[in-house]
N, C-alpha and C. Protein backbone atom coordinates (compact mmCIF):
# COMPACT_ATOMS: atom_id res chain seq x y z
N MET A 1 100.21 143.56 73.87
CA MET A 1 99.15 143.68 72.87
C MET A 1 97.87 143.08 73.42
N SER A 2 96.82 143.87 73.44
CA SER A 2 95.55 143.36 73.95
C SER A 2 94.59 143.17 72.79
N LEU A 3 93.78 142.16 72.91
CA LEU A 3 92.80 141.87 71.86
C LEU A 3 91.48 142.54 72.19
N PRO A 4 90.70 142.91 71.19
CA PRO A 4 89.39 143.50 71.46
C PRO A 4 88.46 142.50 72.14
N ASP A 5 87.53 143.03 72.93
CA ASP A 5 86.57 142.14 73.60
C ASP A 5 85.80 141.36 72.55
N GLY A 6 85.56 140.08 72.86
CA GLY A 6 84.80 139.26 71.93
C GLY A 6 85.68 138.47 70.99
N TYR A 7 86.87 138.98 70.71
CA TYR A 7 87.77 138.25 69.81
C TYR A 7 88.17 136.93 70.43
N GLU A 8 88.52 137.00 71.72
CA GLU A 8 88.93 135.78 72.42
C GLU A 8 87.80 134.76 72.41
N THR A 9 86.59 135.23 72.65
CA THR A 9 85.48 134.28 72.75
C THR A 9 85.16 133.68 71.39
N ARG A 10 85.28 134.46 70.32
CA ARG A 10 84.96 133.93 68.99
C ARG A 10 85.97 132.89 68.53
N PHE A 11 87.25 133.25 68.60
CA PHE A 11 88.26 132.39 68.00
C PHE A 11 88.78 131.35 69.00
N TYR A 12 89.20 131.82 70.17
CA TYR A 12 89.90 130.93 71.08
C TYR A 12 88.97 129.96 71.79
N ALA A 13 87.69 130.25 71.86
CA ALA A 13 86.77 129.31 72.49
C ALA A 13 86.79 127.99 71.72
N LYS A 14 86.80 128.07 70.39
CA LYS A 14 86.87 126.85 69.58
C LYS A 14 88.17 126.11 69.83
N VAL A 15 89.27 126.86 69.85
CA VAL A 15 90.57 126.24 70.06
C VAL A 15 90.63 125.60 71.44
N ARG A 16 90.14 126.34 72.46
CA ARG A 16 90.19 125.82 73.82
C ARG A 16 89.34 124.56 73.94
N GLN A 17 88.16 124.54 73.32
CA GLN A 17 87.32 123.35 73.37
C GLN A 17 88.03 122.16 72.75
N ARG A 18 88.68 122.39 71.60
CA ARG A 18 89.39 121.29 70.95
C ARG A 18 90.53 120.79 71.83
N HIS A 19 91.27 121.71 72.44
CA HIS A 19 92.38 121.30 73.30
C HIS A 19 91.87 120.56 74.52
N GLU A 20 90.77 121.01 75.11
CA GLU A 20 90.22 120.32 76.27
C GLU A 20 89.78 118.91 75.89
N ARG A 21 89.19 118.77 74.70
CA ARG A 21 88.78 117.44 74.23
C ARG A 21 89.99 116.54 74.06
N GLU A 22 91.04 117.07 73.43
CA GLU A 22 92.24 116.28 73.21
C GLU A 22 92.89 115.90 74.54
N ARG A 23 92.92 116.84 75.49
CA ARG A 23 93.49 116.54 76.80
C ARG A 23 92.69 115.46 77.51
N ALA A 24 91.36 115.51 77.37
CA ALA A 24 90.53 114.50 78.01
C ALA A 24 90.82 113.12 77.42
N GLU A 25 91.01 113.07 76.10
CA GLU A 25 91.32 111.80 75.46
C GLU A 25 92.70 111.29 75.89
N GLN A 26 93.64 112.21 76.09
CA GLN A 26 95.00 111.82 76.45
C GLN A 26 95.18 111.73 77.97
N GLY A 27 94.12 111.98 78.72
CA GLY A 27 94.23 112.03 80.18
C GLY A 27 94.77 110.75 80.77
N LYS A 28 94.30 109.62 80.28
CA LYS A 28 94.73 108.34 80.84
C LYS A 28 96.22 108.13 80.64
N SER A 29 96.70 108.39 79.42
CA SER A 29 98.12 108.20 79.17
C SER A 29 98.95 109.21 79.94
N ALA A 30 98.43 110.43 80.10
CA ALA A 30 99.15 111.44 80.87
C ALA A 30 99.27 111.03 82.33
N GLU A 31 98.18 110.47 82.89
CA GLU A 31 98.24 110.01 84.28
C GLU A 31 99.25 108.88 84.43
N ALA A 32 99.25 107.96 83.48
CA ALA A 32 100.20 106.86 83.55
C ALA A 32 101.63 107.38 83.46
N ARG A 33 101.85 108.37 82.58
CA ARG A 33 103.18 108.95 82.42
C ARG A 33 103.61 109.65 83.71
N ALA A 34 102.68 110.38 84.34
CA ALA A 34 103.00 111.07 85.58
C ALA A 34 103.35 110.07 86.68
N THR A 35 102.59 108.97 86.75
CA THR A 35 102.87 107.94 87.75
C THR A 35 104.24 107.33 87.51
N ARG A 36 104.53 107.05 86.26
CA ARG A 36 105.82 106.45 85.91
C ARG A 36 106.95 107.41 86.27
N CYS A 37 106.81 108.69 85.92
CA CYS A 37 107.84 109.67 86.23
C CYS A 37 108.00 109.81 87.74
N GLY A 38 106.89 109.77 88.47
CA GLY A 38 106.96 109.88 89.92
C GLY A 38 107.73 108.72 90.53
N SER A 39 107.48 107.50 90.02
CA SER A 39 108.18 106.34 90.57
C SER A 39 109.66 106.39 90.21
N ILE A 40 109.98 106.90 89.02
CA ILE A 40 111.39 107.03 88.64
C ILE A 40 112.09 108.03 89.55
N THR A 41 111.43 109.15 89.83
CA THR A 41 112.01 110.15 90.71
C THR A 41 112.20 109.59 92.12
N ALA A 42 111.21 108.84 92.60
CA ALA A 42 111.32 108.25 93.93
C ALA A 42 112.50 107.27 93.97
N ARG A 43 112.66 106.48 92.91
CA ARG A 43 113.77 105.53 92.86
C ARG A 43 115.11 106.27 92.84
N ALA A 44 115.19 107.37 92.10
CA ALA A 44 116.43 108.15 92.06
C ALA A 44 116.76 108.69 93.45
N ASP A 45 115.74 109.12 94.19
CA ASP A 45 115.97 109.60 95.55
C ASP A 45 116.50 108.47 96.43
N GLU A 46 115.95 107.25 96.27
CA GLU A 46 116.43 106.11 97.05
C GLU A 46 117.89 105.84 96.75
N ILE A 47 118.27 105.87 95.49
CA ILE A 47 119.66 105.60 95.10
C ILE A 47 120.58 106.65 95.71
N GLU A 48 120.18 107.92 95.66
CA GLU A 48 121.01 108.98 96.25
C GLU A 48 121.19 108.75 97.75
N GLN A 49 120.12 108.34 98.43
CA GLN A 49 120.22 108.09 99.87
C GLN A 49 121.14 106.91 100.15
N GLU A 50 121.06 105.86 99.31
CA GLU A 50 121.93 104.70 99.51
C GLU A 50 123.39 105.09 99.32
N GLN A 51 123.67 105.92 98.30
CA GLN A 51 125.05 106.33 98.05
C GLN A 51 125.55 107.24 99.16
N ALA A 52 124.68 108.09 99.69
CA ALA A 52 125.08 109.01 100.75
C ALA A 52 125.29 108.25 102.06
N GLY A 53 124.41 107.27 102.31
CA GLY A 53 124.47 106.53 103.57
C GLY A 53 125.38 105.37 103.42
């Protein structure tokens, strides 16, 4: 299903702006969460290597 030209710009531009604003506000917590998940994954890899070795 395709939308007529202009429909996306009228309606979704507002939605996209709101989502971008919300993402910018949540950016710090998202970065912290990504860092935390990354360190957990790295630790899991270390444990697997210890068990294998």
